[in-house]
Amino acid sequence: MTYISLPEEKDRLLVFYLAMEEYIARYMDVDDAFFMWQTEPTVIFGRNQLIYSEVNIDYCQKKGIKMFRRKSGGGCVYSDRNNVMFSYITKDENVNLTFNRYVNMVALVLCQLGVNAKATGRNDILIDGKKVSGNAFYHIPGRSIVHGTMLYDTNLENMVGSITPSDAKLVSKGVKSVRQHITLLKDHINLPIDEFKQFVRRHLCTNEIVLDKNAIERIEDMMQEYLQNDFIYGKNPKYAMIRQKRIENVGMFEVQIELKNVLIKEVNLMGDYFIVGDIGAVLQQLKGVRYEREAINKCLPENMSDYILHLTKQDMVDLLLGDENERE
């Protein structure tokens, strides 16, 4: 695997590194690329999440914590200089295999440090049953991008204060509650953070490419998309109906439905699920469809897991209309 380096170390916005991932994926002919990065205190929320539901905007503004949206799915995370972020870009287009390979690869590196780490759930790495890393991915033609956190010595007060979890989340209140479910890597290894990064690099990468000035300029140009208010805050119109549901092994969903008489006028789907196909095209097909089970069932594709990881067609129908069994 090839390590991608920058020509100079300096503080950069978190979105620079998101654009860097995209630049590598789109313009560099590398089979497997990897790099690590750190950033000033920042909240980064998923492609399909509502910032007002997931981020404590007032707290972030008071504390000088930046807020950005990424293009991958998944949930909201907090990052700072004592948290290491990993980025992995590969030509492998099989999303499930790529994601599983990456998560297990990182868990194995931790095991080589003598840590009892295991990949588990949809996207987590646990140490002794507590979360130390969460990961997300997205796909562009010909490439898959996976990125994730490594909680080395993160500021837990800022983590709790900046993120507003939904009611269904395990973590709900206070640092004490958070510490019951997460762990910090510094409590399990004797390496300072810079030596830990060197260890990871040695064990995962065999060669290096240093980006040149032209590459940096192109990445900075690509970064501008992530800085647009429309991208960060999204366009969140009011809807006539809102449903929330957590689907096991899929994620937390909030579906917003605007109706005109008995016809669907608009459907918006938010949450921390993982997109693997063009879910927008599926939602577009629902426009003008009668808001009833038979019509919606007929409209939806059979393999919803081709669009949202692990989602079934029945899951989607129940999400839109409510669980038929629960209403009986």
C-alpha atoms as a PDB file:
ATOM      1  CA  MET A   1       0.000   0.000   0.000  1.00  0.00           C
ATOM      2  CA  THR A   2       1.211   3.530  -0.819  1.00  0.00           C
ATOM      3  CA  TYR A   3       1.392   6.262   1.801  1.00  0.00           C
ATOM      4  CA  ILE A   4       0.403   9.701   0.459  1.00  0.00           C
ATOM      5  CA  SER A   5       2.322  12.537   2.111  1.00  0.00           C
ATOM      6  CA  LEU A   6       2.047  16.303   2.023  1.00  0.00           C
ATOM      7  CA  PRO A   7       5.185  18.367   1.256  1.00  0.00           C
ATOM      8  CA  GLU A   8       4.875  20.354   4.500  1.00  0.00           C
ATOM      9  CA  GLU A   9       3.274  19.971   7.895  1.00  0.00           C
ATOM     10  CA  LYS A  10       0.870  22.775   8.780  1.00  0.00           C
ATOM     11  CA  ASP A  11      -2.614  23.234  10.177  1.00  0.00           C
ATOM     12  CA  ARG A  12      -5.293  22.660   7.566  1.00  0.00           C
ATOM     13  CA  LEU A  13      -9.076  22.590   7.631  1.00  0.00           C
ATOM     14  CA  LEU A  14     -10.603  19.139   7.976  1.00  0.00           C
ATOM     15  CA  VAL A  15     -12.227  19.505   4.564  1.00  0.00           C
ATOM     16  CA  PHE A  16      -8.799  19.790   2.934  1.00  0.00           C
ATOM     17  CA  TYR A  17      -8.239  16.133   3.818  1.00  0.00           C
ATOM     18  CA  LEU A  18     -11.671  15.154   2.516  1.00  0.00           C
ATOM     19  CA  ALA A  19     -10.794  16.859  -0.760  1.00  0.00           C
ATOM     20  CA  MET A  20      -7.397  15.134  -0.672  1.00  0.00           C
ATOM     21  CA  GLU A  21      -9.130  11.740  -0.512  1.00  0.00           C
ATOM     22  CA  GLU A  22     -11.250  12.709  -3.489  1.00  0.00           C
ATOM     23  CA  TYR A  23      -8.239  13.976  -5.438  1.00  0.00           C
ATOM     24  CA  ILE A  24      -6.370  10.696  -4.880  1.00  0.00           C
ATOM     25  CA  ALA A  25      -9.443   8.688  -5.892  1.00  0.00           C
ATOM     26  CA  ARG A  26     -10.119  10.689  -9.042  1.00  0.00           C
ATOM     27  CA  TYR A  27      -6.675  11.595 -10.334  1.00  0.00           C
ATOM     28  CA  MET A  28      -3.967   9.285  -8.943  1.00  0.00           C
ATOM     29  CA  ASP A  29      -3.276   5.871 -10.453  1.00  0.00           C
ATOM     30  CA  VAL A  30      -2.622   4.025  -7.170  1.00  0.00           C
ATOM     31  CA  ASP A  31      -4.183   0.651  -6.365  1.00  0.00           C
ATOM     32  CA  ASP A  32      -4.296   1.188  -2.592  1.00  0.00           C
ATOM     33  CA  ALA A  33      -3.497   4.503  -0.899  1.00  0.00           C
ATOM     34  CA  PHE A  34      -3.465   5.498   2.761  1.00  0.00           C
ATOM     35  CA  PHE A  35      -2.751   8.585   4.817  1.00  0.00           C
ATOM     36  CA  MET A  36      -3.301   9.883   8.357  1.00  0.00           C
ATOM     37  CA  TRP A  37      -4.244  13.356   9.462  1.00  0.00           C
ATOM     38  CA  GLN A  38      -5.146  15.516  12.452  1.00  0.00           C
ATOM     39  CA  THR A  39      -7.116  18.715  12.656  1.00  0.00           C
ATOM     40  CA  GLU A  40      -8.224  21.465  14.991  1.00  0.00           C
ATOM     41  CA  PRO A  41     -11.481  20.764  16.909  1.00  0.00           C
ATOM     42  CA  THR A  42     -14.138  19.961  14.318  1.00  0.00           C
ATOM     43  CA  VAL A  43     -17.478  18.212  14.095  1.00  0.00           C
ATOM     44  CA  ILE A  44     -18.016  16.241  10.900  1.00  0.00           C
ATOM     45  CA  PHE A  45     -21.445  14.876  10.113  1.00  0.00           C
ATOM     46  CA  GLY A  46     -22.643  12.404   7.500  1.00  0.00           C
ATOM     47  CA  ARG A  47     -23.864  13.091   4.004  1.00  0.00           C
ATOM     48  CA  ASN A  48     -27.499  12.379   4.855  1.00  0.00           C
ATOM     49  CA  GLN A  49     -27.746  13.945   8.305  1.00  0.00           C
ATOM     50  CA  LEU A  50     -29.567  17.102   9.371  1.00  0.00           C
ATOM     51  CA  ILE A  51     -27.046  19.398  11.034  1.00  0.00           C
ATOM     52  CA  TYR A  52     -29.745  20.801  13.333  1.00  0.00           C
ATOM     53  CA  SER A  53     -30.562  17.321  14.632  1.00  0.00           C
ATOM     54  CA  GLU A  54     -26.990  16.082  15.056  1.00  0.00           C
ATOM     55  CA  VAL A  55     -24.816  19.073  16.010  1.00  0.00           C
ATOM     56  CA  ASN A  56     -25.010  21.426  18.984  1.00  0.00           C
ATOM     57  CA  ILE A  57     -24.375  24.487  16.838  1.00  0.00           C
ATOM     58  CA  ASP A  58     -24.472  26.952  19.735  1.00  0.00           C
ATOM     59  CA  TYR A  59     -21.867  24.974  21.706  1.00  0.00           C
ATOM     60  CA  CYS A  60     -19.590  24.677  18.664  1.00  0.00           C
ATOM     61  CA  GLN A  61     -19.747  28.393  17.946  1.00  0.00           C
ATOM     62  CA  LYS A  62     -18.945  29.285  21.568  1.00  0.00           C
ATOM     63  CA  LYS A  63     -16.009  26.853  21.690  1.00  0.00           C
ATOM     64  CA  GLY A  64     -14.638  27.651  18.237  1.00  0.00           C
ATOM     65  CA  ILE A  65     -15.352  24.135  16.977  1.00  0.00           C
ATOM     66  CA  LYS A  66     -15.738  24.008  13.207  1.00  0.00           C
ATOM     67  CA  MET A  67     -18.608  22.126  11.546  1.00  0.00           C
ATOM     68  CA  PHE A  68     -18.435  20.348   8.177  1.00  0.00           C
ATOM     69  CA  ARG A  69     -20.364  17.785   6.181  1.00  0.00           C
ATOM     70  CA  ARG A  70     -18.666  14.854   4.457  1.00  0.00           C
ATOM     71  CA  LYS A  71     -19.771  12.873   1.405  1.00  0.00           C
ATOM     72  CA  SER A  72     -19.840   9.503   3.157  1.00  0.00           C
ATOM     73  CA  GLY A  73     -22.762   8.186   5.160  1.00  0.00           C
ATOM     74  CA  GLY A  74     -22.714   7.269   8.820  1.00  0.00           C
ATOM     75  CA  GLY A  75     -23.020   9.340  11.958  1.00  0.00           C
ATOM     76  CA  CYS A  76     -21.653  12.534  13.452  1.00  0.00           C
ATOM     77  CA  VAL A  77     -18.141  12.514  14.967  1.00  0.00           C
ATOM     78  CA  TYR A  78     -15.844  14.948  16.751  1.00  0.00           C
ATOM     79  CA  SER A  79     -12.170  15.279  15.877  1.00  0.00           C
ATOM     80  CA  ASP A  80      -9.244  17.216  17.333  1.00  0.00           C
ATOM     81  CA  ARG A  81      -5.426  17.172  17.392  1.00  0.00           C
ATOM     82  CA  ASN A  82      -5.439  14.261  19.850  1.00  0.00           C
ATOM     83  CA  ASN A  83      -7.554  12.163  17.521  1.00  0.00           C
ATOM     84  CA  VAL A  84      -5.963  10.491  14.478  1.00  0.00           C
ATOM     85  CA  MET A  85      -7.994  10.220  11.290  1.00  0.00           C
ATOM     86  CA  PHE A  86      -7.284   7.461   8.756  1.00  0.00           C
ATOM     87  CA  SER A  87      -8.057   7.630   5.021  1.00  0.00           C
ATOM     88  CA  TYR A  88      -7.960   4.633   2.690  1.00  0.00           C
ATOM     89  CA  ILE A  89      -8.562   4.804  -1.061  1.00  0.00           C
ATOM     90  CA  THR A  90      -8.687   1.688  -3.214  1.00  0.00           C
ATOM     91  CA  LYS A  91      -9.561   0.576  -6.738  1.00  0.00           C
ATOM     92  CA  ASP A  92     -11.701  -2.231  -5.317  1.00  0.00           C
ATOM     93  CA  GLU A  93     -15.335  -1.392  -6.083  1.00  0.00           C
ATOM     94  CA  ASN A  94     -16.912  -4.106  -3.939  1.00  0.00           C
ATOM     95  CA  VAL A  95     -18.032  -1.872  -1.099  1.00  0.00           C
ATOM     96  CA  ASN A  96     -18.755  -4.604   1.451  1.00  0.00           C
ATOM     97  CA  LEU A  97     -15.434  -6.364   0.917  1.00  0.00           C
ATOM     98  CA  THR A  98     -13.481  -3.113   0.890  1.00  0.00           C
ATOM     99  CA  PHE A  99     -15.074  -1.870   4.087  1.00  0.00           C
ATOM    100  CA  ASN A 100     -14.607  -5.141   5.934  1.00  0.00           C
ATOM    101  CA  ARG A 101     -11.009  -5.487   4.733  1.00  0.00           C
ATOM    102  CA  TYR A 102     -10.127  -1.998   5.904  1.00  0.00           C
ATOM    103  CA  VAL A 103     -11.734  -2.304   9.355  1.00  0.00           C
ATOM    104  CA  ASN A 104     -10.084  -5.682   9.964  1.00  0.00           C
ATOM    105  CA  MET A 105      -6.757  -4.333   8.691  1.00  0.00           C
ATOM    106  CA  VAL A 106      -6.799  -1.521  11.265  1.00  0.00           C
ATOM    107  CA  ALA A 107      -7.904  -3.892  14.038  1.00  0.00           C
ATOM    108  CA  LEU A 108      -4.966  -6.172  13.187  1.00  0.00           C
ATOM    109  CA  VAL A 109      -2.494  -3.285  13.508  1.00  0.00           C
ATOM    110  CA  LEU A 110      -3.852  -2.585  16.997  1.00  0.00           C
ATOM    111  CA  CYS A 111      -3.503  -6.261  17.867  1.00  0.00           C
ATOM    112  CA  GLN A 112       0.147  -6.074  16.811  1.00  0.00           C
ATOM    113  CA  LEU A 113       0.531  -3.417  19.498  1.00  0.00           C
ATOM    114  CA  GLY A 114      -0.748  -5.908  22.045  1.00  0.00           C
ATOM    115  CA  VAL A 115      -4.236  -4.423  22.179  1.00  0.00           C
ATOM    116  CA  ASN A 116      -7.349  -6.627  22.360  1.00  0.00           C
ATOM    117  CA  ALA A 117      -9.012  -5.017  19.324  1.00  0.00           C
ATOM    118  CA  LYS A 118     -11.855  -6.461  17.267  1.00  0.00           C
ATOM    119  CA  ALA A 119     -13.839  -5.261  14.259  1.00  0.00           C
ATOM    120  CA  THR A 120     -17.541  -5.451  15.012  1.00  0.00           C
ATOM    121  CA  GLY A 121     -20.948  -4.096  14.073  1.00  0.00           C
ATOM    122  CA  ARG A 122     -21.431  -2.030  10.955  1.00  0.00           C
ATOM    123  CA  ASN A 123     -18.329   0.113  11.203  1.00  0.00           C
ATOM    124  CA  ASP A 124     -16.670   0.020  14.620  1.00  0.00           C
ATOM    125  CA  ILE A 125     -13.432  -1.229  16.143  1.00  0.00           C
ATOM    126  CA  LEU A 126     -13.637  -2.133  19.824  1.00  0.00           C
ATOM    127  CA  ILE A 127     -11.021  -2.620  22.529  1.00  0.00           C
ATOM    128  CA  ASP A 128     -12.248  -4.863  25.328  1.00  0.00           C
ATOM    129  CA  GLY A 129     -15.801  -4.199  24.178  1.00  0.00           C
ATOM    130  CA  LYS A 130     -15.502  -0.391  24.031  1.00  0.00           C
ATOM    131  CA  LYS A 131     -15.400   1.680  20.850  1.00  0.00           C
ATOM    132  CA  VAL A 132     -12.069   3.209  19.837  1.00  0.00           C
ATOM    133  CA  SER A 133     -12.730   3.731  16.118  1.00  0.00           C
ATOM    134  CA  GLY A 134     -15.725   4.470  13.913  1.00  0.00           C
ATOM    135  CA  ASN A 135     -15.550   4.379  10.119  1.00  0.00           C
ATOM    136  CA  ALA A 136     -17.518   5.396   7.056  1.00  0.00           C
ATOM    137  CA  PHE A 137     -17.198   5.050   3.283  1.00  0.00           C
ATOM    138  CA  TYR A 138     -18.426   6.259  -0.063  1.00  0.00           C
ATOM    139  CA  HIS A 139     -17.957   5.214  -3.649  1.00  0.00           C
ATOM    140  CA  ILE A 140     -17.114   7.056  -6.843  1.00  0.00           C
ATOM    141  CA  PRO A 141     -16.761   5.365 -10.239  1.00  0.00           C
ATOM    142  CA  GLY A 142     -13.724   3.109 -10.073  1.00  0.00           C
ATOM    143  CA  ARG A 143     -12.783   3.865  -6.484  1.00  0.00           C
ATOM    144  CA  SER A 144     -13.886   3.289  -2.911  1.00  0.00           C
ATOM    145  CA  ILE A 145     -12.997   5.696  -0.090  1.00  0.00           C
ATOM    146  CA  VAL A 146     -12.998   4.646   3.568  1.00  0.00           C
ATOM    147  CA  HIS A 147     -12.164   6.983   6.414  1.00  0.00           C
ATOM    148  CA  GLY A 148     -12.358   6.723  10.167  1.00  0.00           C
ATOM    149  CA  THR A 149     -11.425   7.964  13.586  1.00  0.00           C
ATOM    150  CA  MET A 150      -8.897   6.636  16.060  1.00  0.00           C
ATOM    151  CA  LEU A 151      -9.650   7.962  19.551  1.00  0.00           C
ATOM    152  CA  TYR A 152      -6.162   8.396  20.965  1.00  0.00           C
ATOM    153  CA  ASP A 153      -6.724  11.090  23.621  1.00  0.00           C
ATOM    154  CA  THR A 154      -9.743  13.024  22.402  1.00  0.00           C
ATOM    155  CA  ASN A 155     -11.296  15.875  24.411  1.00  0.00           C
ATOM    156  CA  LEU A 156     -14.384  14.070  25.692  1.00  0.00           C
ATOM    157  CA  GLU A 157     -16.024  17.212  27.049  1.00  0.00           C
ATOM    158  CA  ASN A 158     -16.006  18.761  23.584  1.00  0.00           C
ATOM    159  CA  MET A 159     -17.102  15.485  22.039  1.00  0.00           C
ATOM    160  CA  VAL A 160     -20.163  15.328  24.266  1.00  0.00           C
ATOM    161  CA  GLY A 161     -20.941  19.033  24.074  1.00  0.00           C
ATOM    162  CA  SER A 162     -20.684  19.394  20.311  1.00  0.00           C
ATOM    163  CA  ILE A 163     -22.717  16.384  19.240  1.00  0.00           C
ATOM    164  CA  THR A 164     -26.450  16.135  19.816  1.00  0.00           C
ATOM    165  CA  PRO A 165     -27.297  12.422  19.708  1.00  0.00           C
ATOM    166  CA  SER A 166     -30.760  11.185  18.764  1.00  0.00           C
ATOM    167  CA  ASP A 167     -32.848   9.474  21.449  1.00  0.00           C
ATOM    168  CA  ALA A 168     -32.004   6.036  20.070  1.00  0.00           C
ATOM    169  CA  LYS A 169     -28.273   6.508  20.426  1.00  0.00           C
ATOM    170  CA  LEU A 170     -26.452   4.666  23.171  1.00  0.00           C
ATOM    171  CA  VAL A 171     -24.487   7.737  24.180  1.00  0.00           C
ATOM    172  CA  SER A 172     -26.856  10.396  25.462  1.00  0.00           C
ATOM    173  CA  LYS A 173     -25.546  12.460  28.342  1.00  0.00           C
ATOM    174  CA  GLY A 174     -22.246  13.448  29.813  1.00  0.00           C
ATOM    175  CA  VAL A 175     -18.646  12.326  29.722  1.00  0.00           C
ATOM    176  CA  LYS A 176     -19.377   9.685  32.364  1.00  0.00           C
ATOM    177  CA  SER A 177     -21.913   8.058  30.073  1.00  0.00           C
ATOM    178  CA  VAL A 178     -19.580   8.290  27.070  1.00  0.00           C
ATOM    179  CA  ARG A 179     -16.725   6.628  28.963  1.00  0.00           C
ATOM    180  CA  GLN A 180     -18.952   3.599  29.539  1.00  0.00           C
ATOM    181  CA  HIS A 181     -19.059   2.971  25.801  1.00  0.00           C
ATOM    182  CA  ILE A 182     -15.811   4.312  24.320  1.00  0.00           C
ATOM    183  CA  THR A 183     -12.140   3.988  25.216  1.00  0.00           C
ATOM    184  CA  LEU A 184      -9.013   6.016  24.456  1.00  0.00           C
ATOM    185  CA  LEU A 185      -6.072   4.298  22.806  1.00  0.00           C
ATOM    186  CA  LYS A 186      -3.552   6.036  25.080  1.00  0.00           C
ATOM    187  CA  ASP A 187      -4.925   3.949  27.954  1.00  0.00           C
ATOM    188  CA  HIS A 188      -3.909   0.732  26.175  1.00  0.00           C
ATOM    189  CA  ILE A 189      -0.498   1.493  24.644  1.00  0.00           C
ATOM    190  CA  ASN A 190       2.723   3.166  25.788  1.00  0.00           C
ATOM    191  CA  LEU A 191       3.454   4.983  22.517  1.00  0.00           C
ATOM    192  CA  PRO A 192       3.066   8.762  22.146  1.00  0.00           C
ATOM    193  CA  ILE A 193       0.689   9.722  19.355  1.00  0.00           C
ATOM    194  CA  ASP A 194       3.455  10.460  16.801  1.00  0.00           C
ATOM    195  CA  GLU A 195       5.137   7.105  17.450  1.00  0.00           C
ATOM    196  CA  PHE A 196       1.760   5.390  17.112  1.00  0.00           C
ATOM    197  CA  LYS A 197       1.317   6.995  13.691  1.00  0.00           C
ATOM    198  CA  GLN A 198       4.787   5.842  12.645  1.00  0.00           C
ATOM    199  CA  PHE A 199       3.960   2.291  13.770  1.00  0.00           C
ATOM    200  CA  VAL A 200       0.746   2.257  11.713  1.00  0.00           C
ATOM    201  CA  ARG A 201       2.513   3.587   8.650  1.00  0.00           C
ATOM    202  CA  ARG A 202       5.329   1.020   8.865  1.00  0.00           C
ATOM    203  CA  HIS A 203       2.895  -1.862   9.200  1.00  0.00           C
ATOM    204  CA  LEU A 204       0.475  -0.813   6.459  1.00  0.00           C
ATOM    205  CA  CYS A 205       2.569   0.903   3.791  1.00  0.00           C
ATOM    206  CA  THR A 206       5.574  -0.134   1.723  1.00  0.00           C
ATOM    207  CA  ASN A 207       6.192   3.012  -0.333  1.00  0.00           C
ATOM    208  CA  GLU A 208       5.406   6.722  -0.396  1.00  0.00           C
ATOM    209  CA  ILE A 209       4.260   9.435  -2.795  1.00  0.00           C
ATOM    210  CA  VAL A 210       4.714  13.087  -1.806  1.00  0.00           C
ATOM    211  CA  LEU A 211       2.156  15.402  -3.374  1.00  0.00           C
ATOM    212  CA  ASP A 212       3.574  18.319  -5.348  1.00  0.00           C
ATOM    213  CA  LYS A 213       2.507  21.975  -5.433  1.00  0.00           C
ATOM    214  CA  ASN A 214       0.150  21.425  -8.348  1.00  0.00           C
ATOM    215  CA  ALA A 215      -1.656  18.636  -6.491  1.00  0.00           C
ATOM    216  CA  ILE A 216      -2.050  20.841  -3.404  1.00  0.00           C
ATOM    217  CA  GLU A 217      -3.572  23.635  -5.491  1.00  0.00           C
ATOM    218  CA  ARG A 218      -6.041  21.242  -7.108  1.00  0.00           C
ATOM    219  CA  ILE A 219      -7.025  19.850  -3.713  1.00  0.00           C
ATOM    220  CA  GLU A 220      -7.593  23.379  -2.407  1.00  0.00           C
ATOM    221  CA  ASP A 221      -9.830  24.061  -5.400  1.00  0.00           C
ATOM    222  CA  MET A 222     -11.807  20.861  -4.746  1.00  0.00           C
ATOM    223  CA  MET A 223     -12.093  21.840  -1.080  1.00  0.00           C
ATOM    224  CA  GLN A 224     -14.241  24.859  -1.947  1.00  0.00           C
ATOM    225  CA  GLU A 225     -17.291  22.645  -2.518  1.00  0.00           C
ATOM    226  CA  TYR A 226     -17.138  21.498   1.120  1.00  0.00           C
ATOM    227  CA  LEU A 227     -17.036  25.126   2.324  1.00  0.00           C
ATOM    228  CA  GLN A 228     -20.315  26.174   0.673  1.00  0.00           C
ATOM    229  CA  ASN A 229     -23.147  26.864   3.111  1.00  0.00           C
ATOM    230  CA  ASP A 230     -25.601  24.968   0.907  1.00  0.00           C
ATOM    231  CA  PHE A 231     -23.388  21.881   1.221  1.00  0.00           C
ATOM    232  CA  ILE A 232     -22.757  22.241   4.961  1.00  0.00           C
ATOM    233  CA  TYR A 233     -26.273  23.108   6.076  1.00  0.00           C
ATOM    234  CA  GLY A 234     -28.245  21.524   3.268  1.00  0.00           C
ATOM    235  CA  LYS A 235     -31.691  22.509   2.101  1.00  0.00           C
ATOM    236  CA  ASN A 236     -34.134  21.267   4.684  1.00  0.00           C
ATOM    237  CA  PRO A 237     -37.712  22.186   3.736  1.00  0.00           C
ATOM    238  CA  LYS A 238     -40.616  21.456   6.065  1.00  0.00           C
ATOM    239  CA  TYR A 239     -42.536  18.249   5.460  1.00  0.00           C
ATOM    240  CA  ALA A 240     -46.024  17.149   6.361  1.00  0.00           C
ATOM    241  CA  MET A 241     -44.839  13.946   7.991  1.00  0.00           C
ATOM    242  CA  ILE A 242     -41.677  12.843   9.788  1.00  0.00           C
ATOM    243  CA  ARG A 243     -40.854   9.277  10.798  1.00  0.00           C
ATOM    244  CA  GLN A 244     -37.831   8.104  12.776  1.00  0.00           C
ATOM    245  CA  LYS A 245     -36.656   4.550  13.105  1.00  0.00           C
ATOM    246  CA  ARG A 246     -33.499   2.600  13.893  1.00  0.00           C
ATOM    247  CA  ILE A 247     -33.068  -0.510  11.744  1.00  0.00           C
ATOM    248  CA  GLU A 248     -30.711  -3.103  13.173  1.00  0.00           C
ATOM    249  CA  ASN A 249     -27.415  -3.397  11.247  1.00  0.00           C
ATOM    250  CA  VAL A 250     -28.528  -0.611   8.881  1.00  0.00           C
ATOM    251  CA  GLY A 251     -28.705   2.621  10.853  1.00  0.00           C
ATOM    252  CA  MET A 252     -30.858   5.417  12.204  1.00  0.00           C
ATOM    253  CA  PHE A 253     -33.336   6.933   9.736  1.00  0.00           C
ATOM    254  CA  GLU A 254     -35.426  10.066   9.619  1.00  0.00           C
ATOM    255  CA  VAL A 255     -37.787  10.146   6.639  1.00  0.00           C
ATOM    256  CA  GLN A 256     -39.576  13.391   5.786  1.00  0.00           C
ATOM    257  CA  ILE A 257     -42.609  13.077   3.536  1.00  0.00           C
ATOM    258  CA  GLU A 258     -44.582  15.882   1.920  1.00  0.00           C
ATOM    259  CA  LEU A 259     -48.039  14.863   0.714  1.00  0.00           C
ATOM    260  CA  LYS A 260     -50.566  16.486  -1.580  1.00  0.00           C
ATOM    261  CA  ASN A 261     -53.894  14.826  -0.992  1.00  0.00           C
ATOM    262  CA  VAL A 262     -52.992  11.110  -1.116  1.00  0.00           C
ATOM    263  CA  LEU A 263     -49.998  11.528  -3.428  1.00  0.00           C
ATOM    264  CA  ILE A 264     -46.344  11.773  -2.415  1.00  0.00           C
ATOM    265  CA  LYS A 265     -44.938  15.138  -3.421  1.00  0.00           C
ATOM    266  CA  GLU A 266     -41.453  14.808  -1.897  1.00  0.00           C
ATOM    267  CA  VAL A 267     -39.443  12.323   0.171  1.00  0.00           C
ATOM    268  CA  ASN A 268     -36.242  13.215   1.973  1.00  0.00           C
ATOM    269  CA  LEU A 269     -34.202  10.541   3.756  1.00  0.00           C
ATOM    270  CA  MET A 270     -31.714  11.486   6.467  1.00  0.00           C
ATOM    271  CA  GLY A 271     -29.679   9.389   8.880  1.00  0.00           C
ATOM    272  CA  ASP A 272     -26.413   7.603   9.556  1.00  0.00           C
ATOM    273  CA  TYR A 273     -26.939   4.750   7.085  1.00  0.00           C
ATOM    274  CA  PHE A 274     -24.428   3.897   4.330  1.00  0.00           C
ATOM    275  CA  ILE A 275     -25.258   4.586   0.694  1.00  0.00           C
ATOM    276  CA  VAL A 276     -23.974   2.105  -1.896  1.00  0.00           C
ATOM    277  CA  GLY A 277     -26.112   3.156  -4.883  1.00  0.00           C
ATOM    278  CA  ASP A 278     -28.165   6.048  -6.254  1.00  0.00           C
ATOM    279  CA  ILE A 279     -30.772   6.341  -3.492  1.00  0.00           C
ATOM    280  CA  GLY A 280     -31.800   9.717  -4.919  1.00  0.00           C
ATOM    281  CA  ALA A 281     -33.139   7.990  -8.026  1.00  0.00           C
ATOM    282  CA  VAL A 282     -35.238   5.661  -5.845  1.00  0.00           C
ATOM    283  CA  LEU A 283     -36.728   8.585  -3.911  1.00  0.00           C
ATOM    284  CA  GLN A 284     -37.427  10.384  -7.192  1.00  0.00           C
ATOM    285  CA  GLN A 285     -39.527   7.417  -8.342  1.00  0.00           C
ATOM    286  CA  LEU A 286     -41.790   7.860  -5.307  1.00  0.00           C
ATOM    287  CA  LYS A 287     -42.981  11.295  -6.446  1.00  0.00           C
ATOM    288  CA  GLY A 288     -46.607  11.150  -7.558  1.00  0.00           C
ATOM    289  CA  VAL A 289     -47.133   7.682  -6.073  1.00  0.00           C
ATOM    290  CA  ARG A 290     -50.164   7.086  -3.830  1.00  0.00           C
ATOM    291  CA  TYR A 291     -49.224   7.044  -0.168  1.00  0.00           C
ATOM    292  CA  GLU A 292     -50.332   3.476   0.401  1.00  0.00           C
ATOM    293  CA  ARG A 293     -48.536   0.189   0.926  1.00  0.00           C
ATOM    294  CA  GLU A 294     -49.397  -1.540  -2.333  1.00  0.00           C
ATOM    295  CA  ALA A 295     -48.426   1.417  -4.547  1.00  0.00           C
ATOM    296  CA  ILE A 296     -45.177   2.096  -2.688  1.00  0.00           C
ATOM    297  CA  ASN A 297     -44.239  -1.589  -2.634  1.00  0.00           C
ATOM    298  CA  LYS A 298     -44.761  -1.771  -6.395  1.00  0.00           C
ATOM    299  CA  CYS A 299     -42.661   1.346  -6.993  1.00  0.00           C
ATOM    300  CA  LEU A 300     -39.590   0.341  -4.967  1.00  0.00           C
ATOM    301  CA  PRO A 301     -36.793  -1.860  -6.392  1.00  0.00           C
ATOM    302  CA  GLU A 302     -36.584  -5.390  -5.016  1.00  0.00           C
ATOM    303  CA  ASN A 303     -32.966  -5.110  -3.887  1.00  0.00           C
ATOM    304  CA  MET A 304     -32.870  -2.030  -1.676  1.00  0.00           C
ATOM    305  CA  SER A 305     -29.496  -3.247  -0.382  1.00  0.00           C
ATOM    306  CA  ASP A 306     -28.097  -2.149  -3.760  1.00  0.00           C
ATOM    307  CA  TYR A 307     -28.798   1.420  -2.615  1.00  0.00           C
ATOM    308  CA  ILE A 308     -28.453   1.373   1.188  1.00  0.00           C
ATOM    309  CA  LEU A 309     -26.192  -1.156   2.878  1.00  0.00           C
ATOM    310  CA  HIS A 310     -28.156  -4.098   4.385  1.00  0.00           C
ATOM    311  CA  LEU A 311     -31.571  -2.417   3.855  1.00  0.00           C
ATOM    312  CA  THR A 312     -34.414  -4.686   2.676  1.00  0.00           C
ATOM    313  CA  LYS A 313     -37.410  -3.645   0.616  1.00  0.00           C
ATOM    314  CA  GLN A 314     -39.698  -4.452   3.537  1.00  0.00           C
ATOM    315  CA  ASP A 315     -37.575  -2.219   5.770  1.00  0.00           C
ATOM    316  CA  MET A 316     -38.053   0.665   3.347  1.00  0.00           C
ATOM    317  CA  VAL A 317     -41.804   0.171   3.045  1.00  0.00           C
ATOM    318  CA  ASP A 318     -42.177   0.046   6.836  1.00  0.00           C
ATOM    319  CA  LEU A 319     -39.989   3.117   7.172  1.00  0.00           C
ATOM    320  CA  LEU A 320     -42.252   5.103   4.834  1.00  0.00           C
ATOM    321  CA  LEU A 321     -45.593   3.848   6.164  1.00  0.00           C
ATOM    322  CA  GLY A 322     -44.903   2.470   9.627  1.00  0.00           C
ATOM    323  CA  ASP A 323     -44.643  -1.169  10.626  1.00  0.00           C
ATOM    324  CA  GLU A 324     -47.885  -2.924   9.688  1.00  0.00           C
ATOM    325  CA  ASN A 325     -47.532  -5.405  12.565  1.00  0.00           C
ATOM    326  CA  GLU A 326     -47.074  -2.613  15.098  1.00  0.00           C
ATOM    327  CA  ARG A 327     -50.342  -1.000  14.030  1.00  0.00           C
ATOM    328  CA  GLU A 328     -52.386  -4.160  14.414  1.00  0.00           C
END
